[in-house]
Protein backbone atom coordinates (compact mmCIF):
# COMPACT_ATOMS: atom_id res chain seq x y z
CA MET A 1 0.00 0.00 0.00
CA SER A 2 1.30 3.44 -0.86
CA GLY A 3 0.11 6.96 -1.50
CA ALA A 4 -3.64 7.40 -1.77
CA GLU A 5 -4.21 3.70 -1.07
CA GLN A 6 -3.25 4.23 2.57
CA PRO A 7 -6.38 4.65 4.72
CA LEU A 8 -5.16 7.72 6.62
CA ALA A 9 -3.43 9.52 3.75
CA GLY A 10 -4.02 13.26 4.15
CA ILE A 11 -4.49 13.13 7.94
CA VAL A 12 -1.99 15.20 9.94
CA VAL A 13 -1.11 14.06 13.46
CA VAL A 14 0.84 16.14 15.97
CA GLU A 15 2.48 13.79 18.46
CA LEU A 16 3.43 15.28 21.82
CA GLY A 17 4.66 11.85 22.79
CA HIS A 18 7.62 10.18 24.41
CA SER A 19 8.70 6.76 25.65
CA VAL A 20 6.41 4.00 24.29
CA ALA A 21 2.63 4.45 24.44
CA ALA A 22 2.06 7.64 22.42
CA PRO A 23 4.94 6.95 20.00
CA PHE A 24 3.53 3.49 19.28
CA ALA A 25 0.10 5.02 18.63
CA GLY A 26 1.72 7.60 16.36
CA GLN A 27 3.61 4.91 14.49
CA ILE A 28 0.41 2.94 13.89
CA LEU A 29 -1.22 6.05 12.44
CA GLY A 30 1.89 6.76 10.38
CA ASP A 31 1.97 3.21 9.06
CA LEU A 32 -1.65 3.72 7.98
CA GLY A 33 -0.62 6.74 5.94
CA ALA A 34 -0.98 9.73 8.26
CA GLU A 35 1.62 12.50 8.30
CA VAL A 36 2.94 12.36 11.86
CA ILE A 37 4.88 15.32 13.24
CA LYS A 38 6.66 14.32 16.42
CA ILE A 39 7.41 17.23 18.77
CA GLU A 40 10.55 16.56 20.82
CA LYS A 41 12.23 18.47 23.61
CA PRO A 42 15.76 19.70 22.81
CA ALA A 43 17.28 16.62 24.47
CA GLY A 44 14.97 14.37 22.47
CA ASP A 45 12.59 11.58 23.39
CA ASP A 46 14.05 9.68 26.37
CA ALA A 47 13.68 6.45 24.39
CA ARG A 48 16.47 7.60 22.05
CA THR A 49 18.92 6.68 24.85
CA TRP A 50 17.29 3.41 26.00
CA GLY A 51 20.20 1.19 25.03
CA PRO A 52 22.39 -0.51 24.15
CA PRO A 53 21.81 -1.77 21.57
CA PHE A 54 21.92 1.31 19.37
CA VAL A 55 21.42 1.42 15.62
CA ASP A 56 21.46 4.31 13.15
CA GLY A 57 22.22 6.82 15.89
CA ALA A 58 19.56 5.93 18.46
CA ALA A 59 18.44 3.06 20.66
CA ALA A 60 16.87 0.12 18.85
CA THR A 61 13.79 0.62 21.06
CA PHE A 62 13.31 4.15 19.73
CA GLN A 63 13.80 3.00 16.16
CA ALA A 64 11.12 0.35 16.60
CA LEU A 65 8.50 2.92 17.67
CA ASN A 66 9.01 6.00 15.53
CA ARG A 67 9.16 5.21 11.81
CA ASN A 68 7.10 7.22 9.32
CA LYS A 69 7.42 10.43 11.37
CA GLN A 70 8.98 13.85 11.21
CA SER A 71 10.91 15.23 14.20
CA TRP A 72 10.49 18.85 15.22
CA VAL A 73 12.51 20.07 18.19
CA MET A 74 10.69 22.64 20.32
CA ASP A 75 11.24 24.04 23.78
CA LEU A 76 7.65 24.51 24.88
CA ARG A 77 8.78 26.86 27.66
CA ASP A 78 9.85 29.26 24.92
CA PRO A 79 6.88 31.46 23.88
CA VAL A 80 8.16 31.59 20.29
CA HIS A 81 8.27 27.80 20.01
CA LEU A 82 4.91 27.47 21.74
CA ALA A 83 3.35 29.92 19.30
CA ARG A 84 4.82 28.00 16.37
CA LEU A 85 3.34 24.76 17.68
CA GLN A 86 -0.03 26.42 18.16
CA ALA A 87 0.05 27.67 14.59
CA LEU A 88 0.80 24.15 13.39
CA ILE A 89 -2.21 22.77 15.27
CA ASP A 90 -4.48 25.60 14.12
CA THR A 91 -3.59 25.37 10.44
CA ARG A 92 -2.79 21.74 9.77
CA ALA A 93 -3.56 19.25 12.54
CA ASP A 94 -6.40 16.76 12.38
CA VAL A 95 -5.18 14.94 15.50
CA VAL A 96 -3.19 15.84 18.60
CA LEU A 97 -1.80 12.87 20.50
CA GLN A 98 -0.15 13.44 23.89
CA ASN A 99 1.22 11.54 26.88
CA MET A 100 2.93 14.35 28.76
CA ARG A 101 2.91 14.54 32.56
CA PRO A 102 -0.53 15.10 34.16
CA GLY A 103 -1.44 18.78 33.98
CA GLN A 104 1.48 19.77 31.77
CA VAL A 105 -0.44 20.35 28.54
CA ASP A 106 -3.09 22.37 30.35
CA ALA A 107 -0.43 24.55 31.98
CA LEU A 108 0.96 25.27 28.50
CA GLY A 109 -2.45 26.02 27.03
CA LEU A 110 -2.22 22.88 24.89
CA GLY A 111 -4.86 20.80 26.67
CA ALA A 112 -7.90 19.26 25.05
CA ALA A 113 -10.41 21.86 26.21
CA ALA A 114 -8.38 24.80 24.95
CA GLN A 115 -7.52 23.19 21.62
CA ARG A 116 -11.02 21.92 20.89
CA ALA A 117 -12.41 25.37 21.69
CA ARG A 118 -10.07 26.82 19.06
CA LYS A 119 -10.68 24.04 16.56
CA PRO A 120 -13.89 22.01 17.04
CA SER A 121 -12.93 19.57 14.26
CA LEU A 122 -9.79 18.48 16.12
CA VAL A 123 -9.47 14.93 17.45
CA TYR A 124 -7.47 15.17 20.67
CA CYS A 125 -6.17 12.03 22.37
CA ASN A 126 -4.89 11.91 25.94
CA LEU A 127 -2.78 8.89 26.92
CA GLY A 128 -2.66 8.96 30.69
CA ALA A 129 -1.38 6.76 33.49
CA PHE A 130 -4.40 6.17 35.72
CA GLY A 131 -7.04 8.10 33.77
CA ALA A 132 -8.38 11.63 34.25
CA PRO A 133 -10.85 11.18 37.15
CA GLY A 134 -10.16 9.44 40.45
CA PRO A 135 -7.77 9.73 43.39
CA LEU A 136 -4.73 8.60 41.37
CA ALA A 137 -5.31 10.87 38.37
CA ASP A 138 -2.20 12.95 39.06
CA ARG A 139 0.19 10.04 39.56
CA PRO A 140 2.65 9.02 36.84
CA GLY A 141 2.70 5.45 35.60
CA TYR A 142 4.92 3.05 33.69
CA ASP A 143 4.41 -0.37 32.18
CA PRO A 144 5.78 -2.50 35.06
CA LEU A 145 3.88 -0.44 37.63
CA MET A 146 0.64 -1.05 35.76
CA GLN A 147 1.33 -4.74 35.31
CA ALA A 148 1.59 -4.82 39.10
CA PHE A 149 -1.28 -2.49 39.99
CA GLY A 150 -3.62 -3.88 37.34
CA GLY A 151 -3.32 -7.43 38.67
CA ILE A 152 -1.38 -8.93 35.77
CA MET A 153 1.66 -9.85 37.87
CA SER A 154 -0.59 -11.79 40.24
CA VAL A 155 -1.39 -14.29 37.48
CA VAL A 156 1.95 -14.43 35.62
CA GLY A 157 4.70 -16.90 36.50
CA GLU A 158 4.91 -20.25 38.22
CA PRO A 159 2.77 -21.01 41.29
CA GLY A 160 4.54 -19.81 44.43
CA GLY A 161 7.10 -17.85 42.44
CA ASN A 162 8.09 -14.21 42.68
CA PRO A 163 6.16 -11.56 40.69
CA VAL A 164 7.05 -11.72 37.00
CA ARG A 165 6.56 -9.01 34.40
CA VAL A 166 5.29 -9.99 30.97
CA GLY A 167 8.35 -9.26 28.81
CA PRO A 168 6.82 -7.17 26.01
CA SER A 169 5.50 -3.76 27.08
CA ILE A 170 1.91 -4.93 26.74
CA ILE A 171 0.49 -2.05 28.78
CA ASP A 172 2.28 0.72 26.90
CA MET A 173 1.77 -0.83 23.49
CA GLY A 174 -1.79 -1.90 24.29
CA THR A 175 -2.62 1.66 25.30
CA GLY A 176 -1.12 2.87 22.04
CA MET A 177 -3.37 0.46 20.17
CA TRP A 178 -6.46 1.68 22.04
CA ALA A 179 -5.42 5.26 21.30
CA ALA A 180 -5.10 4.53 17.58
CA LEU A 181 -8.47 2.74 17.54
CA GLY A 182 -10.13 5.62 19.39
CA ILE A 183 -8.58 8.20 17.06
CA VAL A 184 -9.61 6.34 13.90
CA SER A 185 -13.15 5.93 15.29
CA ALA A 186 -13.36 9.65 16.08
CA LEU A 187 -12.08 10.54 12.61
CA MET A 188 -14.71 8.26 11.08
CA ARG A 189 -17.47 9.97 13.07
CA ARG A 190 -16.10 13.37 12.05
CA GLN A 191 -16.69 12.53 8.40
CA THR A 192 -20.45 12.84 8.95
CA SER A 193 -20.68 15.25 11.90
CA GLY A 194 -17.75 17.58 11.21
CA GLU A 195 -17.03 17.51 14.92
CA GLY A 196 -13.84 16.21 16.48
CA ALA A 197 -13.66 14.54 19.87
CA VAL A 198 -11.58 14.04 22.98
CA VAL A 199 -10.30 10.45 23.20
CA ASP A 200 -9.06 9.33 26.62
CA VAL A 201 -7.05 6.16 27.20
CA SER A 202 -4.79 5.17 30.07
CA LEU A 203 -2.29 2.54 31.08
CA PHE A 204 -4.42 1.42 34.03
CA GLU A 205 -7.53 0.97 31.91
CA THR A 206 -5.50 -1.10 29.43
CA ALA A 207 -4.16 -3.26 32.26
CA THR A 208 -7.67 -3.92 33.56
CA ALA A 209 -8.84 -4.78 30.04
CA TRP A 210 -6.18 -7.50 29.78
CA MET A 211 -7.64 -8.95 33.00
CA THR A 212 -11.16 -9.28 31.54
CA MET A 213 -11.40 -13.08 31.71
CA TYR A 214 -9.78 -13.30 35.14
CA ALA A 215 -12.14 -10.67 36.52
CA SER A 216 -15.19 -12.51 35.19
CA GLN A 217 -13.95 -15.85 36.51
CA TYR A 218 -13.37 -14.35 39.96
CA GLN A 219 -16.76 -12.65 40.08
CA ALA A 220 -18.55 -15.78 38.89
CA GLY A 221 -16.75 -18.32 41.07
CA GLY A 222 -15.36 -16.33 43.98
CA VAL A 223 -11.97 -18.06 43.65
CA MET A 224 -8.91 -15.81 43.50
CA PRO A 225 -7.02 -16.43 40.23
CA GLY A 226 -3.41 -17.41 40.71
CA LYS A 227 -0.31 -18.16 38.69
CA ASN A 228 -0.55 -20.99 36.18
CA GLY A 229 2.86 -20.94 34.54
CA SER A 230 2.27 -21.56 30.84
CA GLY A 231 -1.23 -22.89 31.53
CA GLN A 232 -4.68 -21.33 31.43
CA LEU A 233 -7.20 -21.14 34.24
CA GLY A 234 -10.25 -23.24 33.44
CA ILE A 235 -8.77 -25.31 30.55
CA VAL A 236 -6.78 -28.55 31.01
CA PRO A 237 -4.51 -29.71 29.40
CA TYR A 238 -3.41 -26.38 27.99
CA ARG A 239 0.25 -25.58 28.71
CA ALA A 240 3.92 -26.19 27.91
CA TYR A 241 5.87 -29.42 28.45
CA ARG A 242 9.59 -30.04 28.53
CA THR A 243 10.62 -32.33 25.67
CA ALA A 244 13.90 -34.11 24.96
CA ASP A 245 15.37 -30.94 23.45
CA GLY A 246 13.15 -27.96 24.35
CA ASP A 247 9.64 -26.95 25.28
CA LEU A 248 6.35 -27.52 23.49
CA VAL A 249 2.95 -25.94 24.18
CA VAL A 250 -0.01 -28.25 23.59
CA ALA A 251 -3.58 -26.90 23.58
CA ALA A 252 -6.00 -29.81 23.89
CA GLY A 253 -8.92 -27.59 24.83
CA ASN A 254 -11.84 -29.99 24.32
CA ASN A 255 -12.69 -33.67 24.78
CA ALA A 256 -12.01 -34.67 21.16
CA LEU A 257 -8.57 -33.05 21.20
CA PHE A 258 -7.76 -34.61 24.55
CA ARG A 259 -8.69 -38.04 23.18
CA ARG A 260 -6.40 -37.54 20.17
CA LEU A 261 -3.59 -36.36 22.44
CA CYS A 262 -3.90 -39.50 24.54
CA GLU A 263 -3.76 -41.63 21.40
CA VAL A 264 -0.58 -39.89 20.20
CA LEU A 265 0.96 -40.48 23.63
CA GLY A 266 0.04 -44.16 23.45
CA GLN A 267 -2.33 -43.83 26.42
CA PRO A 268 -5.89 -43.98 25.00
CA GLY A 269 -7.21 -45.08 28.39
CA TRP A 270 -6.53 -41.66 29.91
CA ALA A 271 -9.37 -40.22 27.80
CA THR A 272 -11.92 -42.52 29.46
CA ASP A 273 -10.51 -42.28 32.98
CA PRO A 274 -13.29 -40.84 35.20
CA ARG A 275 -10.82 -38.28 36.56
CA PHE A 276 -10.24 -36.88 33.06
CA ILE A 277 -13.55 -37.61 31.31
CA ASP A 278 -14.35 -33.95 30.55
CA ASN A 279 -12.82 -30.52 30.99
CA PRO A 280 -14.32 -29.76 34.46
CA THR A 281 -12.95 -33.04 35.85
CA ARG A 282 -9.59 -32.44 34.18
CA VAL A 283 -9.44 -29.00 35.79
CA GLN A 284 -10.21 -30.53 39.19
CA ASN A 285 -7.54 -33.18 38.70
CA ALA A 286 -5.01 -31.08 36.81
CA ALA A 287 -2.07 -31.91 39.07
CA THR A 288 -2.67 -35.64 38.62
CA LEU A 289 -3.02 -35.36 34.85
CA TYR A 290 0.04 -33.16 34.42
CA ALA A 291 2.08 -35.59 36.49
CA LEU A 292 1.26 -38.21 33.84
CA LEU A 293 1.82 -35.95 30.83
CA GLU A 294 5.15 -34.41 31.85
CA PRO A 295 7.31 -37.56 31.79
CA ALA A 296 5.61 -38.74 28.61
CA PHE A 297 6.72 -35.66 26.66
CA LEU A 298 10.35 -36.04 27.77
CA ALA A 299 10.68 -39.14 25.62
CA ARG A 300 10.85 -37.35 22.24
CA THR A 301 12.05 -34.10 20.69
CA SER A 302 9.82 -31.10 20.09
CA ALA A 303 10.03 -31.69 16.34
CA ASP A 304 8.98 -35.34 16.73
CA TRP A 305 6.02 -34.41 18.90
CA THR A 306 5.01 -31.58 16.57
CA THR A 307 4.95 -33.95 13.59
CA ALA A 308 2.87 -36.52 15.47
CA LEU A 309 0.47 -34.00 17.00
CA ASP A 310 0.00 -32.14 13.72
CA ALA A 311 -0.89 -35.42 12.02
CA ALA A 312 -3.51 -36.04 14.71
CA GLY A 313 -4.90 -32.52 14.52
CA VAL A 314 -3.84 -31.52 18.03
CA PRO A 315 -2.79 -27.83 18.24
CA CYS A 316 0.80 -27.38 19.41
CA ALA A 317 3.73 -25.00 19.04
CA PRO A 318 7.38 -25.09 20.07
CA VAL A 319 8.61 -22.29 22.33
CA GLN A 320 10.72 -20.26 19.90
CA ASN A 321 13.28 -17.60 20.66
CA VAL A 322 13.37 -14.27 18.79
CA ALA A 323 15.77 -15.50 16.11
CA GLN A 324 13.67 -18.61 15.43
CA MET A 325 10.49 -16.55 15.21
CA LEU A 326 12.02 -14.06 12.78
CA ASP A 327 13.50 -16.79 10.58
CA HIS A 328 10.42 -19.03 10.49
CA PRO A 329 8.97 -19.64 7.03
CA GLN A 330 5.56 -18.44 8.24
CA THR A 331 7.00 -15.09 9.36
CA ARG A 332 8.75 -14.73 6.01
CA ALA A 333 5.69 -15.80 4.01
CA LEU A 334 3.60 -13.11 5.67
CA GLY A 335 6.20 -10.43 4.99
CA LEU A 336 6.13 -9.35 8.60
CA LEU A 337 9.78 -8.30 8.65
CA GLN A 338 9.96 -5.31 6.33
CA PRO A 339 12.81 -3.26 4.93
CA VAL A 340 12.54 0.35 6.06
CA PRO A 341 13.95 3.11 3.83
CA GLY A 342 16.82 4.75 5.68
CA SER A 343 17.18 2.00 8.28
CA SER A 344 20.10 -0.43 8.40
CA ILE A 345 17.89 -3.14 9.90
CA PRO A 346 14.44 -4.40 8.89
CA MET A 347 11.51 -3.88 11.25
CA LEU A 348 8.38 -5.81 12.13
CA GLY A 349 5.53 -4.21 10.25
CA LEU A 350 1.96 -3.39 11.13
CA PRO A 351 0.11 -6.66 11.88
CA VAL A 352 -2.77 -5.96 9.51
CA ARG A 353 -3.24 -6.22 5.75
CA PHE A 354 -5.65 -4.47 3.39
CA ASP A 355 -6.71 -6.45 0.33
CA GLY A 356 -3.78 -8.76 0.95
CA GLN A 357 -1.19 -5.99 1.24
CA ARG A 358 0.64 -4.92 4.39
CA PRO A 359 1.32 -1.16 4.67
CA GLN A 360 4.90 -0.48 3.61
CA PRO A 361 7.13 1.79 5.73
CA ARG A 362 7.90 5.08 4.01
CA SER A 363 10.79 6.23 6.19
CA ALA A 364 12.94 5.27 9.14
CA SER A 365 12.70 6.98 12.51
CA PRO A 366 13.83 10.59 12.18
CA ALA A 367 17.05 12.03 13.50
CA LEU A 368 16.43 14.46 16.35
CA GLY A 369 15.03 17.69 14.95
CA GLN A 370 15.71 16.80 11.33
CA ASP A 371 12.42 18.35 10.13
CA THR A 372 12.25 21.39 12.41
CA PRO A 373 11.18 24.36 10.25
């Protein structure tokens, strides 16, 4: 996809963003064709220094979150720079996207109320920590804090183990995704109404959204969800097993799949054992069942088990590292790893296709201030 084929071609986004959440939202919009103007302080987005590793003059983390953007350096404490930014918003911006400290944009006159009063067609998106109302509205927040506060760490890791953070920044990046979805929805509504909107998303709300199933299970059953390692509360067997040479996740989530799994393992009688006859009994007797499954999987390699389970129609997947994932034929067939003009390394592209085509990056992340007028 290029040029006019890109869904957001012609949309101008002003990103007052730093770190991960707002930059990721801006990158999504840029990948979809929007012109994204990133406003950076004179020292630059903090993420530029989040390394090593560094590539093309900035941290790899920054490069992964800021393609398809311009970089304008502005000192917003300088009235001249502030006036220039205001003129940009007044004359060109369709969207303002910001994740500055609570209260900072309002103190500068750049908050949603002031900007929407000046320009009713503007879509203004706030990416906050805890959300605008409430006793914690003024507190800052970061991904690991929200994984803790939102309950995610209480259900991640092995039973009895220390708190474990999910490795990818799922809160920051998830909030960026919600921001992009909210912005696109507001732009779609604007096409008929002419009116913009204020879109509010926050790290805490994203964290609670990831806990949707756990919250429902707790409210329905009154049992506090705990850590299940690679498993899933309420479904058995549905987890990873150590094999002769690695680890393999097997998802036998219904009775038919469990029966086929038992046949592959050479234990068809397990499928008719009263302790394992259906999913509720397997959940009740999970420890007993896993004690039988674990030594069985040690007998063969992950590749051997994958071949046998695939032939039987039992869903499974080896636990791959980053290099294996990037080099897998499926990753390559989908064209997920894309060359980026101006970048010395390829990047993972937007995980969506339109009419079979994935949006193609137009430019690498900008050098600090390279587009400042």
